[in-house]
Amino acid sequence: MHPYAYLAAAIAAEVAGTTALKLSEGFSNPAPSVVVLAGYVSSFYFLGLVLEELPVGVVYGTWAAVGIVATALVGVVVFEESVDVAGVVGLALIVAGVVVLNVASDAYTPAH
């Protein structure tokens, strides 16, 4: 499987875990609490697979940044949280940073 497919799975699992964390009500709600654990364990499993082929800086930077943006979008859509102009600018800068890291940077040198 392509390492970026594993990275996408890691990001999706992390976002699911973080979303469940909000729903777990301080781990007092059992079902979302189990999803938190499964989400984070799955996320780190897939990150481990990605790190066999891609540099840690690119992987972690992409995982963290895309996770932040996706989680913010979940907050807006699912939990009806608001994002102001400064928040949108900040999220856009995070996306720009990931694009630069993955496309324009020489940091992407596959691990051997």
N, C-alpha and C. Protein backbone atom coordinates (compact mmCIF):
# COMPACT_ATOMS: atom_id res chain seq x y z
N MET A 1 0.85 -1.18 0.00
CA MET A 1 0.00 0.00 0.00
C MET A 1 0.89 1.24 0.00
N HIS A 2 0.46 2.28 -0.63
CA HIS A 2 1.21 3.53 -0.72
C HIS A 2 1.31 4.19 0.65
N PRO A 3 2.48 4.73 1.01
CA PRO A 3 2.62 5.31 2.35
C PRO A 3 1.65 6.46 2.62
N TYR A 4 1.29 7.21 1.59
CA TYR A 4 0.34 8.29 1.83
C TYR A 4 -1.07 7.77 2.11
N ALA A 5 -1.39 6.57 1.66
CA ALA A 5 -2.68 5.96 2.03
C ALA A 5 -2.66 5.60 3.52
N TYR A 6 -1.53 5.07 3.99
CA TYR A 6 -1.39 4.81 5.43
C TYR A 6 -1.45 6.11 6.22
N LEU A 7 -0.84 7.16 5.69
CA LEU A 7 -0.86 8.45 6.38
C LEU A 7 -2.29 8.98 6.46
N ALA A 8 -3.05 8.83 5.39
CA ALA A 8 -4.46 9.25 5.41
C ALA A 8 -5.25 8.46 6.45
N ALA A 9 -4.97 7.16 6.56
CA ALA A 9 -5.64 6.33 7.56
C ALA A 9 -5.25 6.77 8.96
N ALA A 10 -3.99 7.11 9.17
CA ALA A 10 -3.53 7.59 10.48
C ALA A 10 -4.22 8.89 10.85
N ILE A 11 -4.36 9.79 9.89
CA ILE A 11 -5.02 11.07 10.14
C ILE A 11 -6.49 10.85 10.45
N ALA A 12 -7.16 10.02 9.66
CA ALA A 12 -8.59 9.76 9.89
C ALA A 12 -8.82 9.13 11.26
N ALA A 13 -7.96 8.21 11.65
CA ALA A 13 -8.10 7.56 12.96
C ALA A 13 -7.87 8.56 14.09
N GLU A 14 -6.90 9.45 13.91
CA GLU A 14 -6.62 10.46 14.94
C GLU A 14 -7.78 11.43 15.07
N VAL A 15 -8.34 11.86 13.95
CA VAL A 15 -9.49 12.78 13.99
C VAL A 15 -10.70 12.10 14.62
N ALA A 16 -10.92 10.84 14.30
CA ALA A 16 -12.03 10.09 14.92
C ALA A 16 -11.81 9.98 16.42
N GLY A 17 -10.58 9.68 16.83
CA GLY A 17 -10.27 9.58 18.25
C GLY A 17 -10.46 10.91 18.98
N THR A 18 -10.03 11.99 18.36
CA THR A 18 -10.17 13.30 18.98
C THR A 18 -11.64 13.72 19.05
N THR A 19 -12.40 13.41 18.01
CA THR A 19 -13.83 13.71 18.03
C THR A 19 -14.51 12.92 19.15
N ALA A 20 -14.17 11.66 19.27
CA ALA A 20 -14.73 10.83 20.34
C ALA A 20 -14.31 11.34 21.71
N LEU A 21 -13.11 11.92 21.79
CA LEU A 21 -12.65 12.47 23.07
C LEU A 21 -13.59 13.56 23.56
N LYS A 22 -14.05 14.40 22.65
CA LYS A 22 -15.01 15.44 23.02
C LYS A 22 -16.33 14.81 23.48
N LEU A 23 -16.73 13.73 22.82
CA LEU A 23 -17.99 13.07 23.16
C LEU A 23 -17.91 12.18 24.41
N SER A 24 -16.68 11.88 24.84
CA SER A 24 -16.51 10.96 25.97
C SER A 24 -16.87 11.57 27.32
N GLU A 25 -17.05 12.89 27.35
CA GLU A 25 -17.41 13.59 28.59
C GLU A 25 -16.45 13.25 29.72
N GLY A 26 -15.16 13.48 29.46
CA GLY A 26 -14.14 13.20 30.48
C GLY A 26 -13.99 11.72 30.76
N PHE A 27 -14.19 10.90 29.75
CA PHE A 27 -14.11 9.44 29.84
C PHE A 27 -15.20 8.83 30.73
N SER A 28 -16.27 9.58 30.96
CA SER A 28 -17.39 9.03 31.73
C SER A 28 -18.42 8.34 30.83
N ASN A 29 -18.33 8.56 29.53
CA ASN A 29 -19.22 7.92 28.57
C ASN A 29 -18.43 6.79 27.90
N PRO A 30 -18.76 5.53 28.20
CA PRO A 30 -17.91 4.40 27.79
C PRO A 30 -17.72 4.23 26.28
N ALA A 31 -18.78 4.33 25.49
CA ALA A 31 -18.64 4.05 24.05
C ALA A 31 -17.66 5.00 23.37
N PRO A 32 -17.81 6.31 23.52
CA PRO A 32 -16.82 7.19 22.90
C PRO A 32 -15.43 7.02 23.50
N SER A 33 -15.35 6.63 24.76
CA SER A 33 -14.04 6.41 25.39
C SER A 33 -13.30 5.26 24.71
N VAL A 34 -14.03 4.22 24.33
CA VAL A 34 -13.42 3.10 23.61
C VAL A 34 -12.96 3.55 22.23
N VAL A 35 -13.75 4.41 21.58
CA VAL A 35 -13.38 4.93 20.26
C VAL A 35 -12.11 5.79 20.36
N VAL A 36 -11.96 6.55 21.45
CA VAL A 36 -10.75 7.33 21.66
C VAL A 36 -9.54 6.41 21.65
N LEU A 37 -9.59 5.37 22.44
CA LEU A 37 -8.47 4.43 22.53
C LEU A 37 -8.20 3.77 21.18
N ALA A 38 -9.25 3.27 20.54
CA ALA A 38 -9.08 2.61 19.23
C ALA A 38 -8.55 3.59 18.19
N GLY A 39 -9.03 4.81 18.21
CA GLY A 39 -8.58 5.81 17.25
C GLY A 39 -7.12 6.13 17.38
N TYR A 40 -6.67 6.37 18.61
CA TYR A 40 -5.26 6.72 18.81
C TYR A 40 -4.33 5.53 18.57
N VAL A 41 -4.73 4.35 19.01
CA VAL A 41 -3.90 3.16 18.76
C VAL A 41 -3.79 2.91 17.25
N SER A 42 -4.90 3.00 16.55
CA SER A 42 -4.89 2.81 15.10
C SER A 42 -4.03 3.87 14.42
N SER A 43 -4.17 5.10 14.86
CA SER A 43 -3.40 6.18 14.26
C SER A 43 -1.91 5.94 14.39
N PHE A 44 -1.46 5.56 15.57
CA PHE A 44 -0.03 5.31 15.76
C PHE A 44 0.43 4.05 15.02
N TYR A 45 -0.43 3.08 14.88
CA TYR A 45 -0.09 1.90 14.09
C TYR A 45 0.20 2.30 12.65
N PHE A 46 -0.72 3.07 12.05
CA PHE A 46 -0.53 3.50 10.67
C PHE A 46 0.67 4.45 10.53
N LEU A 47 0.89 5.31 11.53
CA LEU A 47 2.08 6.17 11.49
C LEU A 47 3.35 5.33 11.46
N GLY A 48 3.36 4.26 12.22
CA GLY A 48 4.52 3.37 12.23
C GLY A 48 4.79 2.78 10.85
N LEU A 49 3.72 2.42 10.14
CA LEU A 49 3.88 1.89 8.78
C LEU A 49 4.42 2.95 7.83
N VAL A 50 3.92 4.16 7.97
CA VAL A 50 4.38 5.26 7.09
C VAL A 50 5.85 5.55 7.34
N LEU A 51 6.26 5.52 8.59
CA LEU A 51 7.64 5.87 8.93
C LEU A 51 8.66 4.87 8.41
N GLU A 52 8.20 3.71 7.96
CA GLU A 52 9.11 2.77 7.33
C GLU A 52 9.58 3.27 5.96
N GLU A 53 8.82 4.22 5.37
CA GLU A 53 9.15 4.67 4.02
C GLU A 53 9.37 6.17 3.87
N LEU A 54 8.84 6.98 4.76
CA LEU A 54 8.94 8.43 4.61
C LEU A 54 9.67 9.04 5.81
N PRO A 55 10.29 10.20 5.62
CA PRO A 55 11.02 10.86 6.71
C PRO A 55 10.09 11.31 7.84
N VAL A 56 10.57 11.20 9.05
CA VAL A 56 9.75 11.51 10.23
C VAL A 56 9.24 12.95 10.21
N GLY A 57 10.04 13.90 9.77
CA GLY A 57 9.60 15.30 9.75
C GLY A 57 8.42 15.53 8.83
N VAL A 58 8.47 14.93 7.66
CA VAL A 58 7.38 15.06 6.70
C VAL A 58 6.14 14.36 7.22
N VAL A 59 6.32 13.16 7.75
CA VAL A 59 5.18 12.38 8.25
C VAL A 59 4.51 13.08 9.42
N TYR A 60 5.30 13.44 10.43
CA TYR A 60 4.69 14.03 11.62
C TYR A 60 4.11 15.40 11.32
N GLY A 61 4.82 16.18 10.51
CA GLY A 61 4.31 17.50 10.15
C GLY A 61 2.98 17.41 9.42
N THR A 62 2.90 16.49 8.48
CA THR A 62 1.66 16.32 7.72
C THR A 62 0.55 15.78 8.60
N TRP A 63 0.87 14.75 9.40
CA TRP A 63 -0.14 14.15 10.29
C TRP A 63 -0.71 15.18 11.25
N ALA A 64 0.17 15.94 11.88
CA ALA A 64 -0.29 16.93 12.86
C ALA A 64 -1.08 18.05 12.20
N ALA A 65 -0.57 18.58 11.10
CA ALA A 65 -1.22 19.73 10.47
C ALA A 65 -2.58 19.36 9.87
N VAL A 66 -2.62 18.27 9.13
CA VAL A 66 -3.90 17.88 8.53
C VAL A 66 -4.89 17.47 9.62
N GLY A 67 -4.37 16.84 10.68
CA GLY A 67 -5.24 16.51 11.81
C GLY A 67 -5.83 17.74 12.48
N ILE A 68 -5.02 18.78 12.62
CA ILE A 68 -5.51 20.03 13.21
C ILE A 68 -6.62 20.64 12.37
N VAL A 69 -6.37 20.74 11.07
CA VAL A 69 -7.36 21.35 10.18
C VAL A 69 -8.63 20.50 10.13
N ALA A 70 -8.49 19.19 10.00
CA ALA A 70 -9.66 18.31 9.95
C ALA A 70 -10.45 18.36 11.25
N THR A 71 -9.75 18.38 12.38
CA THR A 71 -10.44 18.45 13.67
C THR A 71 -11.16 19.78 13.84
N ALA A 72 -10.55 20.85 13.38
CA ALA A 72 -11.22 22.16 13.43
C ALA A 72 -12.49 22.14 12.58
N LEU A 73 -12.43 21.51 11.41
CA LEU A 73 -13.62 21.40 10.57
C LEU A 73 -14.70 20.55 11.23
N VAL A 74 -14.29 19.48 11.89
CA VAL A 74 -15.27 18.67 12.64
C VAL A 74 -15.92 19.53 13.72
N GLY A 75 -15.11 20.32 14.40
CA GLY A 75 -15.66 21.21 15.43
C GLY A 75 -16.71 22.14 14.88
N VAL A 76 -16.45 22.70 13.71
CA VAL A 76 -17.40 23.63 13.09
C VAL A 76 -18.66 22.90 12.63
N VAL A 77 -18.49 21.78 11.95
CA VAL A 77 -19.63 21.08 11.34
C VAL A 77 -20.43 20.28 12.37
N VAL A 78 -19.74 19.51 13.21
CA VAL A 78 -20.43 18.60 14.12
C VAL A 78 -20.84 19.28 15.42
N PHE A 79 -19.94 20.09 15.97
CA PHE A 79 -20.19 20.68 17.29
C PHE A 79 -20.62 22.14 17.22
N GLU A 80 -20.81 22.65 16.00
CA GLU A 80 -21.26 24.02 15.77
C GLU A 80 -20.37 25.05 16.46
N GLU A 81 -19.06 24.79 16.48
CA GLU A 81 -18.10 25.74 17.02
C GLU A 81 -17.82 26.80 15.95
N SER A 82 -17.39 27.96 16.37
CA SER A 82 -17.13 29.02 15.40
C SER A 82 -15.63 29.20 15.19
N VAL A 83 -15.30 29.69 14.01
CA VAL A 83 -13.92 30.04 13.68
C VAL A 83 -13.95 31.45 13.11
N ASP A 84 -13.15 32.34 13.68
CA ASP A 84 -13.12 33.71 13.18
C ASP A 84 -12.09 33.84 12.06
N VAL A 85 -11.93 35.05 11.55
CA VAL A 85 -11.02 35.29 10.43
C VAL A 85 -9.59 34.90 10.81
N ALA A 86 -9.16 35.25 12.00
CA ALA A 86 -7.80 34.89 12.42
C ALA A 86 -7.63 33.38 12.45
N GLY A 87 -8.65 32.66 12.87
CA GLY A 87 -8.60 31.21 12.88
C GLY A 87 -8.49 30.63 11.48
N VAL A 88 -9.26 31.19 10.55
CA VAL A 88 -9.21 30.73 9.16
C VAL A 88 -7.83 31.00 8.57
N VAL A 89 -7.28 32.18 8.85
CA VAL A 89 -5.93 32.52 8.35
C VAL A 89 -4.91 31.54 8.94
N GLY A 90 -5.01 31.27 10.22
CA GLY A 90 -4.09 30.33 10.86
C GLY A 90 -4.18 28.95 10.26
N LEU A 91 -5.39 28.46 10.02
CA LEU A 91 -5.57 27.15 9.40
C LEU A 91 -5.03 27.14 7.97
N ALA A 92 -5.22 28.24 7.24
CA ALA A 92 -4.68 28.33 5.88
C ALA A 92 -3.16 28.30 5.90
N LEU A 93 -2.55 28.94 6.89
CA LEU A 93 -1.09 28.90 7.00
C LEU A 93 -0.59 27.49 7.32
N ILE A 94 -1.34 26.77 8.12
CA ILE A 94 -0.98 25.38 8.41
C ILE A 94 -1.02 24.55 7.13
N VAL A 95 -2.07 24.71 6.35
CA VAL A 95 -2.18 23.99 5.08
C VAL A 95 -1.03 24.38 4.15
N ALA A 96 -0.74 25.67 4.07
CA ALA A 96 0.36 26.13 3.22
C ALA A 96 1.68 25.51 3.66
N GLY A 97 1.90 25.42 4.95
CA GLY A 97 3.12 24.80 5.46
C GLY A 97 3.25 23.35 5.06
N VAL A 98 2.15 22.62 5.11
CA VAL A 98 2.18 21.20 4.72
C VAL A 98 2.44 21.07 3.22
N VAL A 99 1.84 21.93 2.43
CA VAL A 99 2.07 21.89 0.99
C VAL A 99 3.54 22.16 0.69
N VAL A 100 4.10 23.17 1.32
CA VAL A 100 5.52 23.48 1.10
C VAL A 100 6.39 22.30 1.53
N LEU A 101 6.11 21.74 2.67
CA LEU A 101 6.89 20.62 3.17
C LEU A 101 6.85 19.42 2.23
N ASN A 102 5.68 19.13 1.70
CA ASN A 102 5.50 17.94 0.86
C ASN A 102 5.84 18.16 -0.61
N VAL A 103 5.69 19.37 -1.11
CA VAL A 103 5.86 19.61 -2.54
C VAL A 103 7.16 20.34 -2.87
N ALA A 104 7.43 21.40 -2.15
CA ALA A 104 8.55 22.26 -2.53
C ALA A 104 9.84 21.97 -1.77
N SER A 105 9.76 21.26 -0.68
CA SER A 105 10.94 21.02 0.15
C SER A 105 11.71 19.80 -0.33
N ASP A 106 13.02 19.86 -0.14
CA ASP A 106 13.86 18.69 -0.41
C ASP A 106 13.86 17.72 0.77
N ALA A 107 13.09 18.03 1.80
CA ALA A 107 13.04 17.17 2.99
C ALA A 107 12.48 15.79 2.66
N TYR A 108 11.71 15.70 1.60
CA TYR A 108 11.12 14.41 1.23
C TYR A 108 12.19 13.56 0.55
N THR A 109 12.84 12.80 1.35
CA THR A 109 13.79 11.81 0.85
C THR A 109 13.37 10.49 1.48
N PRO A 110 12.85 9.59 0.69
CA PRO A 110 12.38 8.33 1.28
C PRO A 110 13.48 7.63 2.10
N ALA A 111 13.06 7.08 3.22
CA ALA A 111 13.98 6.33 4.07
C ALA A 111 14.35 5.02 3.37
N HIS A 112 15.51 4.50 3.71
CA HIS A 112 15.95 3.25 3.09
C HIS A 112 15.83 2.11 4.06
